[in-house]
C-alpha atoms as a PDB file:
ATOM      1  CA  PRO A   1     153.951 169.048 136.131  1.00  0.00           C
ATOM      2  CA  PRO A   2     155.882 166.412 134.173  1.00  0.00           C
ATOM      3  CA  PRO A   3     154.122 163.181 133.320  1.00  0.00           C
ATOM      4  CA  PRO A   4     154.673 160.282 135.683  1.00  0.00           C
ATOM      5  CA  PRO A   5     157.305 157.712 134.689  1.00  0.00           C
ATOM      6  CA  PRO A   6     156.054 154.569 132.961  1.00  0.00           C
ATOM      7  CA  PRO A   7     155.467 151.541 135.124  1.00  0.00           C
ATOM      8  CA  LEU A   8     158.343 149.133 135.647  1.00  0.00           C
ATOM      9  CA  LYS A   9     156.434 146.253 134.043  1.00  0.00           C
ATOM     10  CA  GLN A  10     156.093 148.154 130.745  1.00  0.00           C
ATOM     11  CA  LEU A  11     159.796 149.029 130.764  1.00  0.00           C
ATOM     12  CA  THR A  12     160.739 145.412 131.377  1.00  0.00           C
ATOM     13  CA  THR A  13     158.435 144.172 128.632  1.00  0.00           C
ATOM     14  CA  ALA A  14     159.710 146.744 126.139  1.00  0.00           C
ATOM     15  CA  GLY A  15     163.341 145.871 126.940  1.00  0.00           C
ATOM     16  CA  ALA A  16     162.701 142.155 126.559  1.00  0.00           C
ATOM     17  CA  ALA A  17     160.930 142.705 123.235  1.00  0.00           C
ATOM     18  CA  ALA A  18     163.807 144.847 121.906  1.00  0.00           C
ATOM     19  CA  ALA A  19     166.365 142.234 122.957  1.00  0.00           C
ATOM     20  CA  SER A  20     164.292 139.487 121.328  1.00  0.00           C
ATOM     21  CA  ARG A  21     164.107 141.459 118.065  1.00  0.00           C
ATOM     22  CA  ALA A  22     167.883 142.039 118.164  1.00  0.00           C
ATOM     23  CA  VAL A  23     168.615 138.353 118.690  1.00  0.00           C
ATOM     24  CA  GLY A  24     166.215 137.466 115.888  1.00  0.00           C
ATOM     25  CA  PHE A  25     167.967 139.886 113.537  1.00  0.00           C
ATOM     26  CA  VAL A  26     171.372 138.389 114.346  1.00  0.00           C
ATOM     27  CA  ARG A  27     170.032 134.884 113.709  1.00  0.00           C
ATOM     28  CA  ARG A  28     168.475 135.899 110.380  1.00  0.00           C
ATOM     29  CA  HIS A  29     171.520 137.875 109.171  1.00  0.00           C
ATOM     30  CA  PRO A  30     174.682 136.177 110.497  1.00  0.00           C
ATOM     31  CA  ALA A  31     176.914 137.234 107.591  1.00  0.00           C
ATOM     32  CA  GLU A  32     175.961 140.913 107.848  1.00  0.00           C
ATOM     33  CA  CYS A  33     176.519 140.881 111.608  1.00  0.00           C
ATOM     34  CA  ALA A  34     179.894 139.162 111.194  1.00  0.00           C
ATOM     35  CA  ALA A  35     180.904 141.743 108.577  1.00  0.00           C
ATOM     36  CA  ALA A  36     179.852 144.588 110.850  1.00  0.00           C
ATOM     37  CA  LEU A  37     181.809 143.075 113.732  1.00  0.00           C
ATOM     38  CA  ALA A  38     184.879 142.614 111.528  1.00  0.00           C
ATOM     39  CA  ALA A  39     184.603 146.233 110.396  1.00  0.00           C
ATOM     40  CA  LEU A  40     184.424 147.397 114.003  1.00  0.00           C
ATOM     41  CA  VAL A  41     187.475 145.333 114.959  1.00  0.00           C
ATOM     42  CA  ALA A  42     189.433 146.623 111.945  1.00  0.00           C
ATOM     43  CA  THR A  43     188.455 150.206 112.770  1.00  0.00           C
ATOM     44  CA  ASP A  44     189.533 149.692 116.371  1.00  0.00           C
ATOM     45  CA  TYR A  45     192.883 148.318 115.189  1.00  0.00           C
ATOM     46  CA  LEU A  46     193.380 151.275 112.841  1.00  0.00           C
ATOM     47  CA  ASN A  47     192.523 153.704 115.651  1.00  0.00           C
ATOM     48  CA  LEU A  48     195.128 151.987 117.820  1.00  0.00           C
ATOM     49  CA  LEU A  49     197.715 152.329 115.046  1.00  0.00           C
ATOM     50  CA  VAL A  50     196.919 156.039 114.666  1.00  0.00           C
ATOM     51  CA  LEU A  51     197.210 156.527 118.422  1.00  0.00           C
ATOM     52  CA  LEU A  52     200.543 154.717 118.498  1.00  0.00           C
ATOM     53  CA  ASP A  53     201.773 156.698 115.508  1.00  0.00           C
ATOM     54  CA  ALA A  54     200.809 159.987 117.147  1.00  0.00           C
ATOM     55  CA  SER A  55     202.623 159.008 120.345  1.00  0.00           C
ATOM     56  CA  ASP A  56     205.608 157.476 118.541  1.00  0.00           C
ATOM     57  CA  PRO A  57     208.168 159.997 119.813  1.00  0.00           C
ATOM     58  CA  VAL A  58     207.219 159.035 123.360  1.00  0.00           C
ATOM     59  CA  LEU A  59     206.623 155.299 123.036  1.00  0.00           C
ATOM     60  CA  ARG A  60     208.776 154.322 120.038  1.00  0.00           C
ATOM     61  CA  VAL A  61     206.496 151.420 119.219  1.00  0.00           C
ATOM     62  CA  GLY A  62     205.253 152.421 115.781  1.00  0.00           C
ATOM     63  CA  ARG A  63     207.994 150.666 113.862  1.00  0.00           C
ATOM     64  CA  PRO A  64     207.664 147.262 115.588  1.00  0.00           C
ATOM     65  CA  VAL A  65     203.870 147.326 115.203  1.00  0.00           C
ATOM     66  CA  ALA A  66     204.144 148.226 111.516  1.00  0.00           C
ATOM     67  CA  ALA A  67     206.807 145.553 111.006  1.00  0.00           C
ATOM     68  CA  ALA A  68     204.544 142.973 112.637  1.00  0.00           C
ATOM     69  CA  GLY A  69     201.724 144.012 110.310  1.00  0.00           C
ATOM     70  CA  ARG A  70     203.971 143.668 107.269  1.00  0.00           C
ATOM     71  CA  ARG A  71     205.087 140.212 108.416  1.00  0.00           C
ATOM     72  CA  LEU A  72     201.455 139.205 108.899  1.00  0.00           C
ATOM     73  CA  VAL A  73     200.586 140.353 105.367  1.00  0.00           C
ATOM     74  CA  ALA A  74     203.578 138.467 103.963  1.00  0.00           C
ATOM     75  CA  LEU A  75     202.520 135.355 105.868  1.00  0.00           C
ATOM     76  CA  GLY A  76     199.013 135.667 104.439  1.00  0.00           C
ATOM     77  CA  ARG A  77     200.387 135.919 100.904  1.00  0.00           C
ATOM     78  CA  PHE A  78     202.609 132.894 101.492  1.00  0.00           C
ATOM     79  CA  ALA A  79     199.664 130.872 102.840  1.00  0.00           C
ATOM     80  CA  ARG A  80     197.556 131.890  99.827  1.00  0.00           C
ATOM     81  CA  ARG A  81     200.284 130.757  97.406  1.00  0.00           C
ATOM     82  CA  LEU A  82     200.531 127.423  99.240  1.00  0.00           C
ATOM     83  CA  LEU A  83     196.764 126.977  99.103  1.00  0.00           C
ATOM     84  CA  LEU A  84     196.609 127.778  95.380  1.00  0.00           C
ATOM     85  CA  ARG A  85     199.510 125.395  94.679  1.00  0.00           C
ATOM     86  CA  HIS A  86     197.753 122.655  96.686  1.00  0.00           C
ATOM     87  CA  ARG A  87     194.475 123.253  94.834  1.00  0.00           C
ATOM     88  CA  LYS A  88     196.245 123.050  91.476  1.00  0.00           C
ATOM     89  CA  LYS A  89     197.991 119.817  92.468  1.00  0.00           C
ATOM     90  CA  THR A  90     194.745 118.325  93.767  1.00  0.00           C
ATOM     91  CA  ALA A  91     192.907 119.276  90.574  1.00  0.00           C
ATOM     92  CA  THR A  92     195.655 117.688  88.471  1.00  0.00           C
ATOM     93  CA  VAL A  93     195.563 114.459  90.482  1.00  0.00           C
ATOM     94  CA  ALA A  94     191.760 114.370  90.345  1.00  0.00           C
ATOM     95  CA  ALA A  95     191.757 114.913  86.585  1.00  0.00           C
ATOM     96  CA  ALA A  96     194.347 112.171  86.064  1.00  0.00           C
ATOM     97  CA  SER A  97     192.415 109.702  88.213  1.00  0.00           C
ATOM     98  CA  PHE A  98     189.181 110.613  86.423  1.00  0.00           C
ATOM     99  CA  ARG A  99     190.856 109.916  83.050  1.00  0.00           C
ATOM    100  CA  ALA A 100     192.162 106.599  84.360  1.00  0.00           C
ATOM    101  CA  VAL A 101     188.681 105.551  85.532  1.00  0.00           C
ATOM    102  CA  ALA A 102     187.053 106.672  82.274  1.00  0.00           C
ATOM    103  CA  ARG A 103     189.301 104.400  80.194  1.00  0.00           C
END
């Protein structure tokens, strides 16, 4: 005959211990967990794009989705250029004020 199932108390204790270890891992490694979550979200988005591309003759949504992605990339590049320009300007102003104080 098969062995009897484990008691409910042991199952509850084992589940609570596993959850506690998982929470502890997330607290000790927040960057790794965030990277893993970002990778999962990106993979999900890519899977959605593949699904939409495969069903493009039926849905005709592949082009607008791709266009939105291209606009988002262009916006990111524009924001990066603005940030770099602001950093350069700030560094120039800081250097000029430092020279004025040093004199």
